[in-house]
N, C-alpha and C. Protein backbone atom coordinates (compact mmCIF):
# COMPACT_ATOMS: atom_id res chain seq x y z
N MET A 1 26.57 66.73 32.35
CA MET A 1 25.81 66.47 31.07
C MET A 1 25.64 64.96 30.71
N ASP A 2 26.65 64.04 31.00
CA ASP A 2 26.44 62.76 30.73
C ASP A 2 25.34 62.11 31.60
N ASN A 3 25.19 62.61 32.79
CA ASN A 3 24.25 62.00 33.81
C ASN A 3 22.95 62.27 33.35
N GLU A 4 22.67 63.57 32.92
CA GLU A 4 21.25 63.74 32.17
C GLU A 4 20.79 62.84 31.22
N ASN A 5 21.87 62.51 30.32
CA ASN A 5 21.66 61.72 29.11
C ASN A 5 21.23 60.26 29.54
N ALA A 6 21.97 59.79 30.68
CA ALA A 6 21.81 58.36 31.13
C ALA A 6 20.46 58.47 31.72
N ARG A 7 19.85 59.28 32.34
CA ARG A 7 18.50 59.24 32.88
C ARG A 7 17.46 59.25 31.76
N GLY A 8 17.78 59.91 30.77
CA GLY A 8 16.81 59.95 29.72
C GLY A 8 16.80 58.64 28.95
N VAL A 9 17.94 57.92 28.79
CA VAL A 9 17.98 56.61 28.23
C VAL A 9 17.24 55.54 29.12
N ILE A 10 17.57 55.59 30.42
CA ILE A 10 16.78 54.63 31.34
C ILE A 10 15.36 54.90 31.20
N THR A 11 14.76 56.25 31.19
CA THR A 11 13.34 56.51 30.97
C THR A 11 12.73 55.96 29.55
N VAL A 12 13.39 56.07 28.55
CA VAL A 12 12.99 55.45 27.28
C VAL A 12 12.85 53.98 27.43
N GLU A 13 14.04 53.36 28.04
CA GLU A 13 13.92 52.05 28.16
C GLU A 13 12.99 51.38 28.98
N MET A 14 12.59 52.04 30.26
CA MET A 14 11.63 51.73 30.94
C MET A 14 10.16 51.89 30.36
N SER A 15 10.11 53.10 29.67
CA SER A 15 8.74 53.12 29.04
C SER A 15 8.46 51.82 28.01
N MET A 16 9.50 51.44 27.24
CA MET A 16 9.38 50.33 26.32
C MET A 16 8.99 49.13 27.01
N VAL A 17 9.75 48.87 28.18
CA VAL A 17 9.59 47.64 28.80
C VAL A 17 8.26 47.50 29.39
N LEU A 18 7.68 48.79 29.90
CA LEU A 18 6.40 48.75 30.53
C LEU A 18 5.39 48.37 29.48
N VAL A 19 5.49 48.81 28.24
CA VAL A 19 4.32 48.56 27.29
C VAL A 19 4.59 46.84 27.00
N VAL A 20 5.70 46.51 26.90
CA VAL A 20 5.90 44.90 26.70
C VAL A 20 5.19 44.24 27.96
N VAL A 21 5.52 44.51 29.05
CA VAL A 21 4.89 43.84 30.21
C VAL A 21 3.28 44.09 30.29
N MET A 22 2.93 45.09 29.83
CA MET A 22 1.36 45.28 29.88
C MET A 22 0.89 44.57 28.85
N LEU A 23 1.35 44.36 27.74
CA LEU A 23 0.88 43.43 26.53
C LEU A 23 0.73 42.00 27.16
N ILE A 24 1.97 41.66 27.73
CA ILE A 24 2.05 40.20 28.42
C ILE A 24 0.84 40.23 29.35
N VAL A 25 0.61 40.90 30.30
CA VAL A 25 -0.28 40.77 31.27
C VAL A 25 -1.83 40.68 30.74
N ALA A 26 -2.00 41.58 29.74
CA ALA A 26 -3.38 41.54 28.85
C ALA A 26 -3.36 40.25 28.10
N ALA A 27 -2.31 39.62 27.57
CA ALA A 27 -2.46 38.46 26.90
C ALA A 27 -2.81 37.40 27.85
N LEU A 28 -2.20 37.35 28.81
CA LEU A 28 -2.31 36.33 30.01
C LEU A 28 -3.74 36.18 30.63
N ILE A 29 -4.29 37.56 30.77
CA ILE A 29 -5.78 37.54 31.40
C ILE A 29 -6.51 37.13 30.17
N SER A 30 -6.38 37.27 28.93
CA SER A 30 -7.23 36.94 28.01
C SER A 30 -7.06 35.53 27.74
N SER A 31 -6.03 34.86 27.83
CA SER A 31 -6.28 33.51 27.76
C SER A 31 -6.55 32.76 28.95
N ILE A 32 -6.73 33.31 30.05
CA ILE A 32 -7.22 32.86 31.28
C ILE A 32 -8.66 32.83 31.11
N ILE A 33 -9.27 33.87 30.51
CA ILE A 33 -10.61 34.01 30.37
C ILE A 33 -11.27 32.90 29.20
N TYR A 34 -10.36 32.98 28.14
CA TYR A 34 -10.84 31.94 27.29
C TYR A 34 -10.74 30.30 27.84
N VAL A 35 -9.78 30.17 28.62
CA VAL A 35 -9.68 28.72 29.06
C VAL A 35 -10.85 28.55 29.85
N HIS A 36 -11.23 29.46 30.84
CA HIS A 36 -12.29 29.41 31.69
C HIS A 36 -13.66 29.13 30.98
N ASP A 37 -14.05 29.86 29.94
CA ASP A 37 -15.07 29.72 29.13
C ASP A 37 -15.19 28.35 28.58
N VAL A 38 -14.02 27.93 28.00
CA VAL A 38 -14.04 26.30 27.37
C VAL A 38 -14.27 25.44 28.50
N THR A 39 -13.56 25.53 29.62
CA THR A 39 -13.58 24.55 30.73
C THR A 39 -15.07 24.57 31.20
N VAL A 40 -15.63 25.68 31.52
CA VAL A 40 -17.25 25.78 31.94
C VAL A 40 -18.10 25.14 30.98
N ALA A 41 -18.01 25.46 29.85
CA ALA A 41 -18.78 24.82 28.69
C ALA A 41 -18.61 23.34 28.69
N LYS A 42 -17.50 22.83 28.67
CA LYS A 42 -17.27 21.42 28.54
C LYS A 42 -17.87 20.81 29.88
N SER A 43 -17.69 21.36 31.03
CA SER A 43 -18.29 20.75 32.09
C SER A 43 -19.64 20.67 32.36
N ILE A 44 -20.37 21.66 31.88
CA ILE A 44 -21.68 21.88 31.78
C ILE A 44 -22.34 20.94 30.70
N SER A 45 -21.77 20.78 29.57
CA SER A 45 -22.41 19.88 28.62
C SER A 45 -22.10 18.51 28.77
N TYR A 46 -20.98 18.03 29.62
CA TYR A 46 -20.90 16.63 30.04
C TYR A 46 -21.83 16.42 30.98
N SER A 47 -21.80 17.23 32.11
CA SER A 47 -22.65 16.76 33.14
C SER A 47 -24.35 17.00 32.85
N GLY A 48 -24.51 17.93 31.99
CA GLY A 48 -25.92 18.02 31.59
C GLY A 48 -26.36 16.95 30.66
N ALA A 49 -25.33 16.45 29.80
CA ALA A 49 -25.68 15.23 29.03
C ALA A 49 -25.87 13.98 29.75
N ILE A 50 -25.01 13.71 30.79
CA ILE A 50 -25.20 12.53 31.83
C ILE A 50 -26.47 12.68 32.18
N GLU A 51 -26.62 13.87 32.91
CA GLU A 51 -28.10 14.09 33.81
C GLU A 51 -29.30 13.84 32.81
N VAL A 52 -29.24 14.41 31.76
CA VAL A 52 -30.64 14.44 30.90
C VAL A 52 -30.75 12.98 30.26
N ILE A 53 -29.39 12.27 29.80
CA ILE A 53 -29.76 10.91 29.28
C ILE A 53 -30.11 9.97 30.17
N GLU A 54 -29.76 9.91 31.51
CA GLU A 54 -30.23 9.02 32.60
C GLU A 54 -31.61 9.27 33.08
N LYS A 55 -31.97 10.41 32.96
CA LYS A 55 -33.49 10.71 33.65
C LYS A 55 -34.41 10.95 32.78
N THR A 56 -34.38 11.37 31.40
CA THR A 56 -35.51 11.91 30.67
C THR A 56 -35.49 11.17 29.27
N ASP A 57 -36.44 11.13 28.62
CA ASP A 57 -36.39 10.91 27.32
C ASP A 57 -36.73 12.02 26.40
N LYS A 58 -36.67 13.29 26.95
CA LYS A 58 -36.69 14.47 25.96
C LYS A 58 -35.47 14.56 25.15
N ASN A 59 -35.58 15.37 24.31
CA ASN A 59 -34.32 15.84 23.51
C ASN A 59 -33.12 16.42 24.44
N PRO A 60 -32.18 15.62 24.55
CA PRO A 60 -31.01 16.15 25.52
C PRO A 60 -30.38 17.21 24.89
N GLY A 61 -30.43 17.51 23.59
CA GLY A 61 -29.74 18.70 23.31
C GLY A 61 -30.10 20.05 23.41
N ASP A 62 -31.64 20.08 23.53
CA ASP A 62 -32.29 21.34 23.96
C ASP A 62 -31.98 21.79 25.25
N ILE A 63 -31.91 20.68 26.24
CA ILE A 63 -31.81 21.07 27.77
C ILE A 63 -30.30 21.35 27.93
N VAL A 64 -29.49 20.84 27.26
CA VAL A 64 -27.99 21.07 27.39
C VAL A 64 -27.86 22.42 26.82
N ARG A 65 -28.37 22.80 25.70
CA ARG A 65 -28.27 24.13 25.16
C ARG A 65 -28.93 25.18 26.18
N LYS A 66 -29.86 25.02 26.79
CA LYS A 66 -30.42 25.79 27.65
C LYS A 66 -29.48 26.12 28.76
N LYS A 67 -28.87 25.13 29.43
CA LYS A 67 -27.95 25.29 30.38
C LYS A 67 -26.63 26.04 29.85
N LEU A 68 -26.26 25.86 28.84
CA LEU A 68 -25.09 26.69 28.29
C LEU A 68 -25.57 28.05 28.16
N ARG A 69 -26.70 28.47 27.72
CA ARG A 69 -27.23 29.88 27.58
C ARG A 69 -26.99 30.69 29.02
N HIS A 70 -27.35 29.89 29.99
CA HIS A 70 -27.27 30.38 31.38
C HIS A 70 -25.91 30.26 32.12
N ALA A 71 -25.06 29.91 31.55
CA ALA A 71 -23.63 29.73 31.99
C ALA A 71 -23.00 31.00 32.31
N PRO A 72 -22.10 30.98 33.24
CA PRO A 72 -21.26 32.24 33.35
C PRO A 72 -20.08 32.34 32.48
N LEU A 73 -20.47 32.71 31.20
CA LEU A 73 -19.37 32.74 30.25
C LEU A 73 -18.96 34.43 29.95
N PHE A 74 -17.51 34.59 29.64
CA PHE A 74 -17.18 35.94 29.45
C PHE A 74 -17.13 36.37 28.05
N ILE A 75 -16.55 35.66 27.17
CA ILE A 75 -16.26 36.18 25.75
C ILE A 75 -16.65 35.14 24.78
N MET A 76 -17.49 33.97 25.08
CA MET A 76 -17.57 32.89 24.08
C MET A 76 -19.09 32.51 24.40
N THR A 77 -19.83 32.17 23.23
CA THR A 77 -20.88 31.39 23.24
C THR A 77 -20.78 30.11 22.68
N PHE A 78 -21.60 29.13 23.18
CA PHE A 78 -21.43 27.76 22.75
C PHE A 78 -22.75 27.26 22.34
N ASP A 79 -22.68 26.15 21.49
CA ASP A 79 -23.82 25.49 21.08
C ASP A 79 -23.50 24.02 21.28
N SER A 80 -24.46 23.08 21.78
CA SER A 80 -23.97 21.81 21.91
C SER A 80 -25.23 21.00 21.17
N ASN A 81 -24.76 19.87 20.41
CA ASN A 81 -25.60 19.07 19.66
C ASN A 81 -25.30 17.52 20.26
N ILE A 82 -26.34 16.84 20.50
CA ILE A 82 -26.25 15.35 21.18
C ILE A 82 -26.97 14.47 20.00
N GLU A 83 -26.19 13.76 19.45
CA GLU A 83 -26.52 12.73 18.50
C GLU A 83 -26.66 11.36 19.08
N GLU A 84 -27.65 10.63 18.87
CA GLU A 84 -27.88 9.23 19.51
C GLU A 84 -27.47 8.17 18.50
N ASN A 85 -26.56 7.38 18.90
CA ASN A 85 -26.09 6.43 18.28
C ASN A 85 -26.65 5.00 18.71
N LEU A 86 -26.31 3.76 18.10
CA LEU A 86 -26.95 2.52 18.55
C LEU A 86 -26.62 2.16 19.99
N ASP A 87 -25.30 2.48 20.58
CA ASP A 87 -24.81 2.07 21.90
C ASP A 87 -24.29 3.33 22.65
N SER A 88 -24.50 4.42 22.01
CA SER A 88 -23.85 5.65 22.80
C SER A 88 -24.49 6.96 22.32
N TYR A 89 -24.14 8.05 22.98
CA TYR A 89 -24.51 9.38 22.67
C TYR A 89 -23.12 10.14 22.32
N THR A 90 -23.35 10.93 21.37
CA THR A 90 -22.15 11.76 21.00
C THR A 90 -22.39 13.21 21.17
N VAL A 91 -21.78 13.98 21.94
CA VAL A 91 -21.89 15.20 22.23
C VAL A 91 -20.94 16.11 21.33
N ASN A 92 -21.55 16.99 20.58
CA ASN A 92 -20.70 18.01 19.85
C ASN A 92 -20.59 19.35 20.60
N LEU A 93 -19.68 20.00 20.90
CA LEU A 93 -19.65 21.24 21.40
C LEU A 93 -18.87 22.24 20.56
N SER A 94 -19.56 23.10 20.24
CA SER A 94 -18.82 24.22 19.40
C SER A 94 -19.05 25.60 20.04
N GLY A 95 -18.14 26.47 19.95
CA GLY A 95 -17.94 27.80 20.56
C GLY A 95 -17.41 28.72 19.78
N ARG A 96 -17.74 29.96 19.84
CA ARG A 96 -17.24 31.21 19.17
C ARG A 96 -17.11 32.33 19.91
N VAL A 97 -16.28 33.06 19.45
CA VAL A 97 -15.85 34.28 20.38
C VAL A 97 -16.96 35.32 19.98
N THR A 98 -17.69 36.10 20.86
CA THR A 98 -18.85 36.91 20.64
C THR A 98 -18.19 38.49 21.02
N ASP A 99 -17.17 38.52 22.00
CA ASP A 99 -16.71 39.89 22.35
C ASP A 99 -16.27 40.75 21.09
N SER A 100 -16.81 41.96 21.00
CA SER A 100 -16.45 42.65 19.87
C SER A 100 -15.29 43.30 19.92
N ASN A 101 -14.65 43.26 20.94
CA ASN A 101 -13.23 43.93 21.24
C ASN A 101 -12.08 42.99 20.71
N VAL A 102 -12.40 41.69 20.53
CA VAL A 102 -11.46 40.88 19.80
C VAL A 102 -11.30 41.17 18.14
N LEU A 103 -10.05 41.09 17.91
CA LEU A 103 -9.94 41.29 16.45
C LEU A 103 -10.55 40.06 15.67
N ASN A 104 -11.01 40.40 14.56
CA ASN A 104 -11.60 39.24 13.66
C ASN A 104 -10.52 38.34 13.13
N ILE A 105 -9.16 38.75 13.10
CA ILE A 105 -8.07 37.63 12.78
C ILE A 105 -7.91 36.72 13.86
N VAL A 106 -8.05 37.32 14.98
CA VAL A 106 -7.69 36.39 16.21
C VAL A 106 -9.13 35.46 16.53
N LYS A 107 -10.20 36.05 15.97
CA LYS A 107 -11.60 35.28 16.40
C LYS A 107 -11.56 33.82 15.59
N LYS A 108 -10.99 33.75 14.54
CA LYS A 108 -11.06 32.38 13.91
C LYS A 108 -10.18 31.48 14.51
N TYR A 109 -8.98 31.84 15.06
CA TYR A 109 -8.19 30.97 15.83
C TYR A 109 -8.69 30.57 17.14
N LEU A 110 -9.52 31.27 17.86
CA LEU A 110 -10.26 31.05 19.14
C LEU A 110 -11.54 30.35 18.97
N ASP A 111 -12.10 29.99 17.85
CA ASP A 111 -13.10 29.09 17.69
C ASP A 111 -12.84 27.70 18.26
N TYR A 112 -13.80 27.19 18.97
CA TYR A 112 -13.43 25.88 19.81
C TYR A 112 -14.67 24.77 19.34
N ASN A 113 -14.30 23.68 18.82
CA ASN A 113 -14.91 22.61 18.49
C ASN A 113 -14.43 21.35 18.99
N THR A 114 -15.25 20.44 19.82
CA THR A 114 -14.74 19.12 20.34
C THR A 114 -16.07 18.32 20.41
N SER A 115 -15.78 17.11 20.58
CA SER A 115 -16.74 16.14 20.70
C SER A 115 -16.57 14.98 21.60
N PHE A 116 -17.30 14.41 22.42
CA PHE A 116 -17.02 13.28 23.44
C PHE A 116 -18.00 12.36 23.17
N THR A 117 -18.09 11.19 23.79
CA THR A 117 -19.07 9.90 23.51
C THR A 117 -19.27 9.58 24.95
N LEU A 118 -20.72 9.46 25.18
CA LEU A 118 -21.25 8.83 26.39
C LEU A 118 -21.84 7.51 26.19
N GLU A 119 -21.44 6.49 26.78
CA GLU A 119 -22.05 5.02 26.67
C GLU A 119 -23.63 5.08 27.21
N LYS A 120 -24.38 4.60 26.48
CA LYS A 120 -25.81 4.31 27.02
C LYS A 120 -25.86 3.44 28.14
N PRO A 121 -26.51 3.71 29.24
CA PRO A 121 -26.72 2.77 30.29
C PRO A 121 -27.41 1.71 29.82
N MET A 122 -26.99 0.52 30.35
CA MET A 122 -27.75 -0.91 29.95
C MET A 122 -28.85 -1.15 30.88
N SER A 123 -30.12 -1.46 30.44
CA SER A 123 -31.03 -1.76 31.19
C SER A 123 -30.93 -2.84 32.08
N VAL A 124 -31.62 -2.97 33.23
CA VAL A 124 -31.27 -4.19 34.23
C VAL A 124 -31.76 -5.50 33.46
N GLU A 125 -32.93 -5.37 32.87
CA GLU A 125 -33.57 -6.43 32.12
C GLU A 125 -32.60 -7.14 31.02
N PHE A 126 -32.04 -6.14 30.27
CA PHE A 126 -31.14 -6.54 29.07
C PHE A 126 -29.94 -7.14 29.86
N MET A 127 -29.46 -6.59 30.89
CA MET A 127 -28.30 -7.19 31.45
C MET A 127 -28.46 -8.64 31.84
N TYR A 128 -29.63 -8.92 32.81
CA TYR A 128 -29.70 -10.20 33.13
C TYR A 128 -30.20 -11.19 32.18
N ALA A 129 -30.64 -10.80 30.92
CA ALA A 129 -30.93 -11.69 29.92
C ALA A 129 -29.59 -12.11 29.13
N SER A 130 -28.73 -11.09 29.05
CA SER A 130 -27.45 -11.37 28.41
C SER A 130 -26.57 -12.46 29.35
N ILE A 131 -26.72 -12.17 30.60
CA ILE A 131 -25.96 -13.04 31.39
C ILE A 131 -26.51 -14.47 31.40
N ALA A 132 -27.77 -14.49 31.53
CA ALA A 132 -28.60 -15.96 31.18
C ALA A 132 -28.25 -16.58 29.64
N ILE A 133 -28.16 -15.76 28.84
CA ILE A 133 -27.74 -16.51 27.53
C ILE A 133 -26.26 -16.79 27.50
N CYS A 134 -25.33 -16.05 28.15
CA CYS A 134 -23.92 -16.55 28.40
C CYS A 134 -23.85 -17.72 29.14
N ASP A 135 -24.68 -17.97 30.15
CA ASP A 135 -24.53 -19.11 31.05
C ASP A 135 -24.97 -20.20 30.36
N VAL A 136 -26.13 -20.09 29.30
CA VAL A 136 -26.46 -21.22 28.63
C VAL A 136 -25.52 -21.69 27.55
N ILE A 137 -24.91 -20.71 26.99
CA ILE A 137 -23.86 -21.08 25.86
C ILE A 137 -22.63 -21.69 26.80
N ARG A 138 -22.30 -21.32 28.02
CA ARG A 138 -21.09 -21.90 28.49
C ARG A 138 -21.40 -23.37 29.11
N ASN A 139 -22.55 -23.56 29.46
CA ASN A 139 -23.15 -25.07 29.84
C ASN A 139 -23.30 -25.87 28.71
N ASP A 140 -23.44 -25.35 27.33
CA ASP A 140 -23.75 -26.27 26.44
C ASP A 140 -22.22 -26.69 25.88
N GLU A 141 -21.14 -26.02 26.18
CA GLU A 141 -19.85 -26.17 25.68
C GLU A 141 -19.30 -27.23 26.53
């Protein structure tokens, strides 16, 4: 009789452990997908912003948004906004979870916002002019 009770206890314990292990695996897979989406979006927005800023005079934000729309993302959508400053560009990247299977409570914690700055490339003419001005100033001293 004791043998049968011991087997039943082990079965109940294993069924509880299996649920916990499955939850941990599901959380791990979900976090890997989230990190993948964030990394892909940051990479696309950074490389797209550099490419667009150096090559065209078009609105870089629209082109980067178009690249983000066609990116291989699983559970998030991103929007990118590029602001032009005097000597740099500021890229603002914001993302939100669009998967309907994610709970609303969790969605607000998974929203992603970041920004980074790209220096404007200096024109060759401006660079040589500034070097000439610095040389004149040094020679006068």
